[in-house]
C-alpha atoms as a PDB file:
ATOM      1  CA  MET A   1     -12.065   4.785 -10.219  1.00  0.00           C
ATOM      2  CA  LYS A   2     -10.785   3.810 -13.620  1.00  0.00           C
ATOM      3  CA  ARG A   3     -11.742   0.255 -14.407  1.00  0.00           C
ATOM      4  CA  ASP A   4      -9.590  -1.538 -16.945  1.00  0.00           C
ATOM      5  CA  ALA A   5     -10.191  -4.856 -18.618  1.00  0.00           C
ATOM      6  CA  LYS A   6      -8.216  -6.774 -15.974  1.00  0.00           C
ATOM      7  CA  GLN A   7     -10.344  -5.287 -13.210  1.00  0.00           C
ATOM      8  CA  VAL A   8     -13.626  -6.161 -14.968  1.00  0.00           C
ATOM      9  CA  LEU A   9     -12.372  -9.673 -15.715  1.00  0.00           C
ATOM     10  CA  THR A  10     -11.290 -10.075 -12.086  1.00  0.00           C
ATOM     11  CA  GLU A  11     -14.718  -9.082 -10.786  1.00  0.00           C
ATOM     12  CA  LEU A  12     -16.443 -11.550 -13.140  1.00  0.00           C
ATOM     13  CA  LEU A  13     -14.060 -14.356 -12.182  1.00  0.00           C
ATOM     14  CA  VAL A  14     -14.540 -13.636  -8.469  1.00  0.00           C
ATOM     15  CA  LEU A  15     -18.302 -13.825  -8.809  1.00  0.00           C
ATOM     16  CA  LYS A  16     -18.098 -17.099 -10.734  1.00  0.00           C
ATOM     17  CA  ALA A  17     -15.550 -18.575  -8.317  1.00  0.00           C
ATOM     18  CA  GLN A  18     -17.736 -17.583  -5.374  1.00  0.00           C
ATOM     19  CA  GLY A  19     -20.498 -19.547  -7.052  1.00  0.00           C
ATOM     20  CA  GLY A  20     -18.312 -22.664  -7.090  1.00  0.00           C
ATOM     21  CA  ASP A  21     -16.849 -22.457 -10.595  1.00  0.00           C
ATOM     22  CA  GLU A  22     -13.413 -24.084 -10.229  1.00  0.00           C
ATOM     23  CA  ALA A  23     -12.357 -23.018 -13.732  1.00  0.00           C
ATOM     24  CA  ALA A  24     -13.058 -19.396 -12.807  1.00  0.00           C
ATOM     25  CA  PHE A  25     -10.852 -19.715  -9.735  1.00  0.00           C
ATOM     26  CA  THR A  26      -8.121 -21.216 -11.909  1.00  0.00           C
ATOM     27  CA  ASP A  27      -8.458 -18.267 -14.277  1.00  0.00           C
ATOM     28  CA  LEU A  28      -8.361 -15.888 -11.311  1.00  0.00           C
ATOM     29  CA  TYR A  29      -5.166 -17.561 -10.148  1.00  0.00           C
ATOM     30  CA  GLU A  30      -3.650 -17.271 -13.657  1.00  0.00           C
ATOM     31  CA  THR A  31      -4.596 -13.605 -13.796  1.00  0.00           C
ATOM     32  CA  TRP A  32      -3.108 -12.600 -10.431  1.00  0.00           C
ATOM     33  CA  SER A  33      -0.514 -15.206  -9.401  1.00  0.00           C
ATOM     34  CA  LYS A  34       2.461 -13.478 -11.052  1.00  0.00           C
ATOM     35  CA  ASP A  35       1.633 -10.110  -9.447  1.00  0.00           C
ATOM     36  CA  LEU A  36       1.199 -11.667  -6.014  1.00  0.00           C
ATOM     37  CA  PHE A  37       4.392 -13.681  -6.378  1.00  0.00           C
ATOM     38  CA  ARG A  38       6.349 -10.581  -7.443  1.00  0.00           C
ATOM     39  CA  LEU A  39       5.130  -8.754  -4.332  1.00  0.00           C
ATOM     40  CA  ILE A  40       6.058 -11.670  -2.090  1.00  0.00           C
ATOM     41  CA  ARG A  41       9.413 -12.141  -3.784  1.00  0.00           C
ATOM     42  CA  PHE A  42      10.099  -8.403  -3.495  1.00  0.00           C
ATOM     43  CA  ILE A  43       9.545  -8.586   0.258  1.00  0.00           C
ATOM     44  CA  ILE A  44      11.073 -11.947   1.074  1.00  0.00           C
ATOM     45  CA  LYS A  45      13.945 -12.150  -1.458  1.00  0.00           C
ATOM     46  CA  GLU A  46      14.240 -15.944  -1.141  1.00  0.00           C
ATOM     47  CA  SER A  47      12.690 -17.829  -4.052  1.00  0.00           C
ATOM     48  CA  HIS A  48      11.892 -21.023  -2.226  1.00  0.00           C
ATOM     49  CA  ALA A  49      10.309 -19.256   0.735  1.00  0.00           C
ATOM     50  CA  ALA A  50       8.423 -16.911  -1.594  1.00  0.00           C
ATOM     51  CA  GLU A  51       6.956 -19.889  -3.442  1.00  0.00           C
ATOM     52  CA  GLU A  52       5.755 -21.451  -0.177  1.00  0.00           C
ATOM     53  CA  ILE A  53       4.324 -18.139   0.993  1.00  0.00           C
ATOM     54  CA  ALA A  54       2.551 -17.652  -2.330  1.00  0.00           C
ATOM     55  CA  GLN A  55       0.986 -21.107  -1.988  1.00  0.00           C
ATOM     56  CA  GLU A  56      -0.146 -20.297   1.538  1.00  0.00           C
ATOM     57  CA  ALA A  57      -1.600 -16.986   0.352  1.00  0.00           C
ATOM     58  CA  TRP A  58      -3.570 -18.680  -2.440  1.00  0.00           C
ATOM     59  CA  ILE A  59      -4.905 -21.270  -0.034  1.00  0.00           C
ATOM     60  CA  SER A  60      -6.107 -18.404   2.204  1.00  0.00           C
ATOM     61  CA  ILE A  61      -7.587 -16.632  -0.800  1.00  0.00           C
ATOM     62  CA  ALA A  62      -9.447 -19.821  -1.875  1.00  0.00           C
ATOM     63  CA  ARG A  63     -10.774 -20.359   1.658  1.00  0.00           C
ATOM     64  CA  GLY A  64     -11.877 -16.750   2.135  1.00  0.00           C
ATOM     65  CA  LEU A  65     -13.161 -15.922  -1.344  1.00  0.00           C
ATOM     66  CA  LYS A  66     -16.808 -16.695  -0.524  1.00  0.00           C
ATOM     67  CA  ARG A  67     -16.637 -14.158   2.334  1.00  0.00           C
ATOM     68  CA  LEU A  68     -15.405 -11.362   0.026  1.00  0.00           C
ATOM     69  CA  ASP A  69     -18.435  -9.051  -0.233  1.00  0.00           C
ATOM     70  CA  ASP A  70     -17.168  -6.749  -2.981  1.00  0.00           C
ATOM     71  CA  PRO A  71     -15.445  -8.367  -5.978  1.00  0.00           C
ATOM     72  CA  SER A  72     -14.022  -4.977  -7.007  1.00  0.00           C
ATOM     73  CA  VAL A  73     -11.643  -5.055  -4.026  1.00  0.00           C
ATOM     74  CA  PHE A  74     -10.220  -8.503  -4.803  1.00  0.00           C
ATOM     75  CA  CYS A  75      -6.827  -7.113  -5.779  1.00  0.00           C
ATOM     76  CA  SER A  76      -6.180  -5.149  -2.595  1.00  0.00           C
ATOM     77  CA  TRP A  77      -7.711  -7.959  -0.506  1.00  0.00           C
ATOM     78  CA  ALA A  78      -5.385 -10.557  -2.092  1.00  0.00           C
ATOM     79  CA  PHE A  79      -2.350  -8.298  -1.709  1.00  0.00           C
ATOM     80  CA  ARG A  80      -3.257  -7.800   1.958  1.00  0.00           C
ATOM     81  CA  ILE A  81      -3.387 -11.575   2.474  1.00  0.00           C
ATOM     82  CA  ALA A  82      -0.004 -11.975   0.761  1.00  0.00           C
ATOM     83  CA  ARG A  83       1.421  -9.178   2.875  1.00  0.00           C
ATOM     84  CA  ARG A  84       0.225 -10.817   6.077  1.00  0.00           C
ATOM     85  CA  ARG A  85       1.777 -14.142   5.042  1.00  0.00           C
ATOM     86  CA  CYS A  86       5.064 -12.337   4.440  1.00  0.00           C
ATOM     87  CA  ILE A  87       4.912 -10.655   7.831  1.00  0.00           C
ATOM     88  CA  ASP A  88       4.266 -14.008   9.488  1.00  0.00           C
ATOM     89  CA  TRP A  89       7.273 -15.514   7.731  1.00  0.00           C
ATOM     90  CA  LEU A  90       9.487 -12.520   8.594  1.00  0.00           C
ATOM     91  CA  ARG A  91       8.540 -12.798  12.226  1.00  0.00           C
ATOM     92  CA  LYS A  92       9.605 -16.425  12.242  1.00  0.00           C
ATOM     93  CA  GLN A  93      12.876 -15.553  10.572  1.00  0.00           C
ATOM     94  CA  GLN A  94      13.582 -12.392  12.622  1.00  0.00           C
ATOM     95  CA  SER A  95      16.979 -13.395  13.969  1.00  0.00           C
ATOM     96  CA  ASP A  96      18.255 -14.401  10.510  1.00  0.00           C
ATOM     97  CA  ARG A  97      16.766 -11.216   9.099  1.00  0.00           C
ATOM     98  CA  LYS A  98      18.643  -9.064  11.616  1.00  0.00           C
ATOM     99  CA  LYS A  99      21.903 -10.789  10.698  1.00  0.00           C
ATOM    100  CA  LYS A 100      21.203 -10.334   7.005  1.00  0.00           C
ATOM    101  CA  LEU A 101      20.384  -6.626   7.405  1.00  0.00           C
ATOM    102  CA  ALA A 102      23.549  -6.093   9.434  1.00  0.00           C
ATOM    103  CA  LEU A 103      25.616  -7.699   6.665  1.00  0.00           C
ATOM    104  CA  GLU A 104      23.838  -5.675   3.954  1.00  0.00           C
ATOM    105  CA  SER A 105      24.472  -2.422   5.818  1.00  0.00           C
ATOM    106  CA  ASN A 106      28.209  -3.208   6.061  1.00  0.00           C
ATOM    107  CA  VAL A 107      28.573  -3.872   2.330  1.00  0.00           C
ATOM    108  CA  GLU A 108      30.357  -1.049   0.580  1.00  0.00           C
ATOM    109  CA  VAL A 109      30.200  -0.146  -3.036  1.00  0.00           C
ATOM    110  CA  GLN A 110      33.584  -1.028  -4.547  1.00  0.00           C
ATOM    111  CA  GLY A 111      35.390   0.461  -7.481  1.00  0.00           C
ATOM    112  CA  ASP A 112      35.266   3.883  -9.030  1.00  0.00           C
ATOM    113  CA  GLU A 113      32.016   5.761  -8.998  1.00  0.00           C
ATOM    114  CA  ALA A 114      30.574   5.532 -12.497  1.00  0.00           C
ATOM    115  CA  GLN A 115      28.786   8.524 -13.912  1.00  0.00           C
ATOM    116  CA  GLY A 116      25.402   8.325 -15.600  1.00  0.00           C
ATOM    117  CA  GLU A 117      21.966   7.025 -15.135  1.00  0.00           C
ATOM    118  CA  SER A 118      22.844   3.380 -14.414  1.00  0.00           C
ATOM    119  CA  MET A 119      24.851   4.386 -11.324  1.00  0.00           C
ATOM    120  CA  VAL A 120      22.049   6.558 -10.058  1.00  0.00           C
ATOM    121  CA  VAL A 121      19.570   3.723 -10.527  1.00  0.00           C
ATOM    122  CA  SER A 122      21.787   1.202  -8.737  1.00  0.00           C
ATOM    123  CA  GLU A 123      22.290   3.611  -5.841  1.00  0.00           C
ATOM    124  CA  LEU A 124      18.572   4.238  -5.694  1.00  0.00           C
ATOM    125  CA  LEU A 125      17.869   0.518  -5.610  1.00  0.00           C
ATOM    126  CA  GLU A 126      20.529   0.043  -2.947  1.00  0.00           C
ATOM    127  CA  GLU A 127      18.903   2.723  -0.761  1.00  0.00           C
ATOM    128  CA  ILE A 128      15.500   1.138  -1.269  1.00  0.00           C
ATOM    129  CA  GLN A 129      16.829  -2.240  -0.135  1.00  0.00           C
ATOM    130  CA  LYS A 130      18.056  -0.638   3.107  1.00  0.00           C
ATOM    131  CA  MET A 131      14.536   0.596   3.931  1.00  0.00           C
ATOM    132  CA  ASP A 132      12.194  -1.216   6.260  1.00  0.00           C
ATOM    133  CA  THR A 133       9.846  -3.840   4.835  1.00  0.00           C
ATOM    134  CA  GLY A 134       6.806  -1.562   4.981  1.00  0.00           C
ATOM    135  CA  SER A 135       8.475   1.153   2.958  1.00  0.00           C
ATOM    136  CA  ARG A 136       9.750  -1.312   0.383  1.00  0.00           C
ATOM    137  CA  MET A 137       6.295  -2.840   0.078  1.00  0.00           C
ATOM    138  CA  LEU A 138       4.719   0.607  -0.342  1.00  0.00           C
ATOM    139  CA  ILE A 139       7.141   1.413  -3.132  1.00  0.00           C
ATOM    140  CA  HIS A 140       6.558  -1.946  -4.807  1.00  0.00           C
ATOM    141  CA  LEU A 141       2.751  -1.729  -4.709  1.00  0.00           C
ATOM    142  CA  PHE A 142       2.645   1.851  -5.928  1.00  0.00           C
ATOM    143  CA  TYR A 143       5.435   2.024  -8.494  1.00  0.00           C
ATOM    144  CA  GLU A 144       5.942  -1.565  -9.668  1.00  0.00           C
ATOM    145  CA  THR A 145       2.468  -3.042  -9.387  1.00  0.00           C
ATOM    146  CA  GLY A 146       0.780   0.218 -10.340  1.00  0.00           C
ATOM    147  CA  LEU A 147      -1.897   0.193  -7.652  1.00  0.00           C
ATOM    148  CA  SER A 148      -3.610   3.495  -6.902  1.00  0.00           C
ATOM    149  CA  VAL A 149      -3.085   5.233  -3.576  1.00  0.00           C
ATOM    150  CA  SER A 150      -6.471   3.975  -2.371  1.00  0.00           C
ATOM    151  CA  GLU A 151      -5.672   0.419  -3.451  1.00  0.00           C
ATOM    152  CA  VAL A 152      -2.297   0.543  -1.704  1.00  0.00           C
ATOM    153  CA  ALA A 153      -4.016   1.913   1.381  1.00  0.00           C
ATOM    154  CA  GLU A 154      -6.506  -0.955   1.322  1.00  0.00           C
ATOM    155  CA  ALA A 155      -3.791  -3.571   0.773  1.00  0.00           C
ATOM    156  CA  MET A 156      -1.596  -2.221   3.559  1.00  0.00           C
ATOM    157  CA  GLU A 157      -4.482  -1.365   5.905  1.00  0.00           C
ATOM    158  CA  LEU A 158      -3.587   2.309   6.017  1.00  0.00           C
ATOM    159  CA  ARG A 159      -5.420   5.515   5.276  1.00  0.00           C
ATOM    160  CA  ALA A 160      -4.932   7.070   1.825  1.00  0.00           C
ATOM    161  CA  GLY A 161      -3.454  10.200   3.408  1.00  0.00           C
ATOM    162  CA  THR A 162      -0.924   8.070   5.263  1.00  0.00           C
ATOM    163  CA  VAL A 163       0.101   6.363   2.016  1.00  0.00           C
ATOM    164  CA  LYS A 164       0.543   9.740   0.309  1.00  0.00           C
ATOM    165  CA  SER A 165       2.589  11.188   3.179  1.00  0.00           C
ATOM    166  CA  ARG A 166       4.783   8.073   3.419  1.00  0.00           C
ATOM    167  CA  LEU A 167       5.416   8.092  -0.330  1.00  0.00           C
ATOM    168  CA  PHE A 168       6.339  11.772  -0.113  1.00  0.00           C
ATOM    169  CA  ALA A 169       8.683  11.139   2.822  1.00  0.00           C
ATOM    170  CA  ILE A 170      10.318   8.179   1.023  1.00  0.00           C
ATOM    171  CA  ARG A 171      10.884  10.256  -2.143  1.00  0.00           C
ATOM    172  CA  GLU A 172      12.389  13.126  -0.108  1.00  0.00           C
ATOM    173  CA  LYS A 173      14.660  10.744   1.823  1.00  0.00           C
ATOM    174  CA  LEU A 174      15.872   9.109  -1.392  1.00  0.00           C
ATOM    175  CA  LYS A 175      16.369  12.479  -3.046  1.00  0.00           C
ATOM    176  CA  ALA A 176      18.463  13.757  -0.123  1.00  0.00           C
ATOM    177  CA  LYS A 177      20.623  10.609  -0.050  1.00  0.00           C
ATOM    178  CA  LEU A 178      21.247  10.704  -3.765  1.00  0.00           C
ATOM    179  CA  GLU A 179      22.133  14.391  -3.681  1.00  0.00           C
ATOM    180  CA  ARG A 180      24.708  13.723  -0.927  1.00  0.00           C
ATOM    181  CA  LYS A 181      26.261  10.925  -2.981  1.00  0.00           C
ATOM    182  CA  ILE A 182      26.425  13.032  -6.123  1.00  0.00           C
ATOM    183  CA  ARG A 183      28.282  15.867  -4.339  1.00  0.00           C
END
């Protein structure tokens, strides 16, 4: 596993925070809060709710940090906590979510089809937004956050092979949909 400066810093901060160093926990929060919030915001799409979920996630992280045996897995552990908080919120909002998804699926792209890369990107993003939450989260963790397959697997509580096969299936699905639109 390639360890970068952020990973080494995280491990040091986790160890210090586990020892009761409040400043270290603050630094850990500063180091990871934007990444966790981006994940939550990516899944939830509502700023106010995402902020509340992020606060709940950080409270859970603070409470459970002393029980974290391996500081090197902090990132995937924290993402897993954030993911669980998102799932809890989504379950509470399920009826509104179904209505929102129904509305999103009925929205049609208006105007002439523009040629070029920007149109392809917007169509790709549109297709990603139509995917289930798990697929969107997988894409976000792997492509946007830059986690490795094993880190994504840990964060989503899946096997690495499952992550690889799901990423492959997602790419093939997107490729097929884009090819149909281009024709």
